Structure formats: C-alpha cells, structure tokens
C-alpha atoms as a PDB file:
ATOM      1  CA  MET A   1      85.346  88.252 114.694  1.00  0.00           C
ATOM      2  CA  THR A   2      86.806  88.023 118.178  1.00  0.00           C
ATOM      3  CA  ASP A   3      89.383  90.218 119.848  1.00  0.00           C
ATOM      4  CA  LYS A   4      91.490  87.089 120.302  1.00  0.00           C
ATOM      5  CA  GLU A   5      91.633  86.527 116.516  1.00  0.00           C
ATOM      6  CA  ILE A   6      92.550  90.172 115.884  1.00  0.00           C
ATOM      7  CA  ILE A   7      95.279  90.063 118.548  1.00  0.00           C
ATOM      8  CA  ALA A   8      96.712  86.842 117.092  1.00  0.00           C
ATOM      9  CA  ALA A   9      96.903  88.469 113.645  1.00  0.00           C
ATOM     10  CA  LEU A  10      98.594  91.566 115.085  1.00  0.00           C
ATOM     11  CA  GLN A  11     101.072  89.325 116.911  1.00  0.00           C
ATOM     12  CA  LEU A  12     102.019  87.795 113.544  1.00  0.00           C
ATOM     13  CA  VAL A  13     102.598  91.291 112.174  1.00  0.00           C
ATOM     14  CA  ALA A  14     104.793  92.154 115.157  1.00  0.00           C
ATOM     15  CA  SER A  15     106.826  88.973 114.777  1.00  0.00           C
ATOM     16  CA  LYS A  16     107.472  89.671 111.091  1.00  0.00           C
ATOM     17  CA  TYR A  17     107.656  93.494 110.940  1.00  0.00           C
ATOM     18  CA  GLY A  18     107.994  94.700 114.539  1.00  0.00           C
ATOM     19  CA  LYS A  19     105.738  96.125 117.218  1.00  0.00           C
ATOM     20  CA  LYS A  20     105.723  99.655 115.774  1.00  0.00           C
ATOM     21  CA  LEU A  21     104.342  98.496 112.438  1.00  0.00           C
ATOM     22  CA  ALA A  22     101.803  96.277 114.224  1.00  0.00           C
ATOM     23  CA  ALA A  23     100.618  99.357 116.141  1.00  0.00           C
ATOM     24  CA  THR A  24     100.302 101.319 112.894  1.00  0.00           C
ATOM     25  CA  VAL A  25      98.292  98.524 111.292  1.00  0.00           C
ATOM     26  CA  GLU A  26      95.975  98.391 114.313  1.00  0.00           C
ATOM     27  CA  GLN A  27      95.492 102.165 114.106  1.00  0.00           C
ATOM     28  CA  ILE A  28      94.594 101.898 110.404  1.00  0.00           C
ATOM     29  CA  PHE A  29      92.064  99.171 111.099  1.00  0.00           C
ATOM     30  CA  ARG A  30      90.572 101.047 114.048  1.00  0.00           C
ATOM     31  CA  ASN A  31      90.149 104.158 111.912  1.00  0.00           C
ATOM     32  CA  GLU A  32      88.799 102.438 108.831  1.00  0.00           C
ATOM     33  CA  THR A  33      86.513  99.928 110.595  1.00  0.00           C
ATOM     34  CA  GLU A  34      85.063 101.905 113.500  1.00  0.00           C
ATOM     35  CA  HIS A  35      87.334  99.980 115.880  1.00  0.00           C
ATOM     36  CA  PHE A  36      86.616  96.617 114.224  1.00  0.00           C
ATOM     37  CA  LYS A  37      82.839  97.038 114.541  1.00  0.00           C
ATOM     38  CA  SER A  38      81.621  98.351 111.180  1.00  0.00           C
ATOM     39  CA  ARG A  39      79.318  96.204 109.086  1.00  0.00           C
ATOM     40  CA  GLU A  40      81.693  96.510 106.129  1.00  0.00           C
ATOM     41  CA  PHE A  41      84.513  95.075 108.239  1.00  0.00           C
ATOM     42  CA  GLN A  42      82.337  92.317 109.694  1.00  0.00           C
ATOM     43  CA  VAL A  43      81.468  91.151 106.179  1.00  0.00           C
ATOM     44  CA  SER A  44      84.760  91.725 104.338  1.00  0.00           C
ATOM     45  CA  LEU A  45      87.425  91.840 107.079  1.00  0.00           C
ATOM     46  CA  SER A  46      88.827  94.691 104.989  1.00  0.00           C
ATOM     47  CA  PRO A  47      90.009  98.066 106.303  1.00  0.00           C
ATOM     48  CA  GLY A  48      88.042  99.989 103.686  1.00  0.00           C
ATOM     49  CA  MET A  49      89.813  98.527 100.648  1.00  0.00           C
ATOM     50  CA  GLU A  50      87.630  99.612  97.789  1.00  0.00           C
ATOM     51  CA  ALA A  51      87.888  97.288  94.785  1.00  0.00           C
ATOM     52  CA  LEU A  52      88.902  99.309  91.743  1.00  0.00           C
ATOM     53  CA  ALA A  53      88.592  96.215  89.530  1.00  0.00           C
ATOM     54  CA  LEU A  54      86.497  93.077  89.928  1.00  0.00           C
ATOM     55  CA  THR A  55      89.355  90.584  89.556  1.00  0.00           C
ATOM     56  CA  SER A  56      92.554  90.105  91.547  1.00  0.00           C
ATOM     57  CA  PRO A  57      94.431  92.235  92.499  1.00  0.00           C
ATOM     58  CA  TYR A  58      91.258  94.375  92.473  1.00  0.00           C
ATOM     59  CA  GLY A  59      93.138  97.507  91.455  1.00  0.00           C
ATOM     60  CA  TRP A  60      95.670  97.102  94.275  1.00  0.00           C
ATOM     61  CA  GLY A  61      98.754  96.208  92.228  1.00  0.00           C
ATOM     62  CA  SER A  62     101.156  96.670  95.145  1.00  0.00           C
ATOM     63  CA  PHE A  63      99.552  93.634  96.837  1.00  0.00           C
ATOM     64  CA  ALA A  64      99.905  91.315  93.828  1.00  0.00           C
ATOM     65  CA  PRO A  65     103.379  89.909  94.648  1.00  0.00           C
ATOM     66  CA  PHE A  66     102.416  89.336  98.274  1.00  0.00           C
ATOM     67  CA  TRP A  67      99.192  87.530  97.397  1.00  0.00           C
ATOM     68  CA  LYS A  68     100.968  85.443  94.762  1.00  0.00           C
ATOM     69  CA  ALA A  69     103.611  84.391  97.302  1.00  0.00           C
ATOM     70  CA  ASN A  70     100.989  83.925 100.052  1.00  0.00           C
ATOM     71  CA  PRO A  71      97.824  82.588  98.384  1.00  0.00           C
ATOM     72  CA  LEU A  72      96.108  81.940 101.722  1.00  0.00           C
ATOM     73  CA  TYR A  73      96.193  85.705 102.304  1.00  0.00           C
ATOM     74  CA  ALA A  74      94.686  86.600  98.928  1.00  0.00           C
ATOM     75  CA  PRO A  75      91.162  88.051  98.865  1.00  0.00           C
ATOM     76  CA  VAL A  76      88.300  85.708  98.060  1.00  0.00           C
ATOM     77  CA  GLY A  77      86.277  88.247  96.095  1.00  0.00           C
ATOM     78  CA  VAL A  78      84.384  91.480  96.556  1.00  0.00           C
ATOM     79  CA  HIS A  79      81.109  92.678  98.022  1.00  0.00           C
ATOM     80  CA  LYS A  80      79.010  95.833  97.793  1.00  0.00           C
ATOM     81  CA  GLN A  81      78.424  97.890 100.908  1.00  0.00           C
ATOM     82  CA  VAL A  82      77.678 101.474 101.870  1.00  0.00           C
ATOM     83  CA  GLU A  83      81.055 103.012 102.665  1.00  0.00           C
ATOM     84  CA  ASN A  84      81.811 103.973 106.282  1.00  0.00           C
ATOM     85  CA  ASP A  85      82.895 107.435 107.364  1.00  0.00           C
ATOM     86  CA  SER A  86      86.516 107.668 108.537  1.00  0.00           C
ATOM     87  CA  LEU A  87      88.687 110.376 110.035  1.00  0.00           C
ATOM     88  CA  MET A  88      89.649 111.551 106.546  1.00  0.00           C
ATOM     89  CA  SER A  89      86.526 111.109 104.457  1.00  0.00           C
ATOM     90  CA  LYS A  90      82.762 110.859 104.512  1.00  0.00           C
ATOM     91  CA  SER A  91      80.811 108.024 102.943  1.00  0.00           C
ATOM     92  CA  ARG A  92      80.231 108.252  99.193  1.00  0.00           C
ATOM     93  CA  GLY A  93      77.422 105.698  99.279  1.00  0.00           C
ATOM     94  CA  GLU A  94      77.547 102.138  98.012  1.00  0.00           C
ATOM     95  CA  ARG A  95      80.991 100.893  97.011  1.00  0.00           C
ATOM     96  CA  THR A  96      82.560  97.555  96.153  1.00  0.00           C
ATOM     97  CA  PHE A  97      85.084  96.308  98.713  1.00  0.00           C
ATOM     98  CA  VAL A  98      87.742  93.605  98.686  1.00  0.00           C
ATOM     99  CA  GLN A  99      86.765  90.607 100.840  1.00  0.00           C
ATOM    100  CA  PHE A 100      89.349  88.558 102.767  1.00  0.00           C
ATOM    101  CA  PRO A 101      89.146  84.928 103.915  1.00  0.00           C
ATOM    102  CA  SER A 102      90.385  85.738 107.438  1.00  0.00           C
ATOM    103  CA  ILE A 103      91.469  88.582 109.681  1.00  0.00           C
ATOM    104  CA  GLU A 104      94.998  87.219 109.490  1.00  0.00           C
ATOM    105  CA  ALA A 105      94.939  87.537 105.688  1.00  0.00           C
ATOM    106  CA  SER A 106      93.688  91.110 105.855  1.00  0.00           C
ATOM    107  CA  VAL A 107      96.040  92.278 108.605  1.00  0.00           C
ATOM    108  CA  MET A 108      99.111  90.646 107.046  1.00  0.00           C
ATOM    109  CA  SER A 109      98.246  92.115 103.639  1.00  0.00           C
ATOM    110  CA  VAL A 110      97.988  95.630 105.063  1.00  0.00           C
ATOM    111  CA  ALA A 111     101.204  95.131 107.039  1.00  0.00           C
ATOM    112  CA  PHE A 112     103.017  94.077 103.860  1.00  0.00           C
ATOM    113  CA  VAL A 113     101.969  97.217 102.013  1.00  0.00           C
ATOM    114  CA  ILE A 114     102.624  99.601 104.909  1.00  0.00           C
ATOM    115  CA  ASN A 115     106.066  98.050 105.331  1.00  0.00           C
ATOM    116  CA  LEU A 116     106.632  98.411 101.577  1.00  0.00           C
ATOM    117  CA  ARG A 117     105.711 102.099 101.941  1.00  0.00           C
ATOM    118  CA  GLY A 118     108.265 102.742 104.667  1.00  0.00           C
ATOM    119  CA  GLY A 119     106.048 102.046 107.663  1.00  0.00           C
ATOM    120  CA  VAL A 120     104.151 105.305 107.173  1.00  0.00           C
ATOM    121  CA  GLY A 121     100.515 104.887 108.219  1.00  0.00           C
ATOM    122  CA  GLY A 122      99.419 107.815 106.076  1.00  0.00           C
ATOM    123  CA  ALA A 123     100.554 105.894 103.009  1.00  0.00           C
ATOM    124  CA  TRP A 124      97.399 103.821 103.468  1.00  0.00           C
ATOM    125  CA  PHE A 125      95.361 106.927 102.610  1.00  0.00           C
ATOM    126  CA  THR A 126      97.588 108.214  99.813  1.00  0.00           C
ATOM    127  CA  VAL A 127     100.994 107.436  98.397  1.00  0.00           C
ATOM    128  CA  THR A 128     101.436 110.605  96.344  1.00  0.00           C
ATOM    129  CA  ASP A 129      99.862 113.473  98.330  1.00  0.00           C
ATOM    130  CA  LEU A 130     102.379 113.990 101.141  1.00  0.00           C
ATOM    131  CA  LYS A 131     100.313 116.719 102.832  1.00  0.00           C
ATOM    132  CA  ALA A 132      97.231 114.468 103.049  1.00  0.00           C
ATOM    133  CA  GLN A 133      99.487 111.588 104.095  1.00  0.00           C
ATOM    134  CA  LYS A 134     100.741 113.644 107.043  1.00  0.00           C
ATOM    135  CA  VAL A 135      97.198 114.634 108.057  1.00  0.00           C
ATOM    136  CA  TYR A 136      96.153 110.971 108.010  1.00  0.00           C
ATOM    137  CA  THR A 137      99.253 109.900 109.945  1.00  0.00           C
ATOM    138  CA  ASP A 138      98.592 112.607 112.546  1.00  0.00           C
ATOM    139  CA  ALA A 139      94.998 111.370 112.881  1.00  0.00           C
ATOM    140  CA  LEU A 140      96.177 107.770 113.257  1.00  0.00           C
ATOM    141  CA  ASN A 141      98.608 108.806 115.975  1.00  0.00           C
ATOM    142  CA  LYS A 142      95.632 109.940 118.079  1.00  0.00           C
ATOM    143  CA  ILE A 143      94.216 106.403 118.024  1.00  0.00           C
ATOM    144  CA  ILE A 144      95.454 104.154 120.812  1.00  0.00           C
ATOM    145  CA  PRO A 145      96.516 100.695 119.529  1.00  0.00           C
ATOM    146  CA  ARG A 146      95.022  98.964 122.560  1.00  0.00           C
ATOM    147  CA  PHE A 147      95.536  95.392 121.358  1.00  0.00           C
ATOM    148  CA  VAL A 148      99.212  95.918 120.541  1.00  0.00           C
ATOM    149  CA  ASN A 149      99.891  97.917 123.698  1.00  0.00           C
ATOM    150  CA  ALA A 150      98.273  95.333 125.981  1.00  0.00           C
ATOM    151  CA  ASN A 151      99.333  92.107 124.278  1.00  0.00           C
ATOM    152  CA  ILE A 152     102.605  92.506 122.407  1.00  0.00           C
ATOM    153  CA  LYS A 153     105.951  92.870 124.130  1.00  0.00           C
END
C-alpha cells in the first residue's frame, strides 16, 4: 500500500463528502491501523473492522446498502489476525476481520458510514455510548490528518 494510493482514496472522500469528513476518516484509519502500518491493515485494508458474521455484510448492517449500490467497494471476505491495540482498546487476541479489495473500497466504505452517522468520528467506536463516543472523538482530534492537510484543498 503506497501513500499515493491512500491519498487518492482520501481525495475521493473529500470530493464526495468534503475535506472535514476526509480528515476524520484519515484520523480513524491512523488510529486503527498504526498510521497505515499494522499487519492487519496491510492484509485486510480494514480499519479494525471485526467480522461479527462470516458472510456479507459481516455483521455491519449499516454498510449493506452502500455495498449493494457499490459492489466494487464490497469486502472480498475475512481473515484471522491478532487484533492491534488502539487509543481506546487493547488487543483481545486473534479476531476475524473484514477484508477489502482495495484501499479505495475501505476508505469509501468508512466515509459512507461516518457520513451516515453525522460525520462524528467517535461513531466509528460506538453508536450508542455517547460518553465513549466523545472520548474516541477527542482522541481522534489529537491525530494530525497529514495526507488530507498536505494534499487536499
């Protein structure tokens, strides 16, 4: 995965949803993937999306309409991997993660859901626990979205 590919995907997000949402998506990925370097990300291109079911939509029902309308963005399966630590949680050992066909598919999928959830980055961590959502959003806001800041007007 090259920086150029990640930037191109974030530029698509910005063109569809705006620069602010693109920055939020980059912050989520940086947090969940150790700044795009984790083994889990390198294999799955996923920002820590644990598969809660083994068939599409893998327990992520909010993605189903997007993937149906955009089949090239739909995951290609799952893989098992030891979970990474993130700002909000420690690894719980081996987990099954959603695997995407491209960084564009992964980034656009996350952008769709964050947009659906009002653009709130903390909604990636939890939809229902507003206190935890705020803590996650505050943590994300400490992460500099370098790709968006340097490459998207």
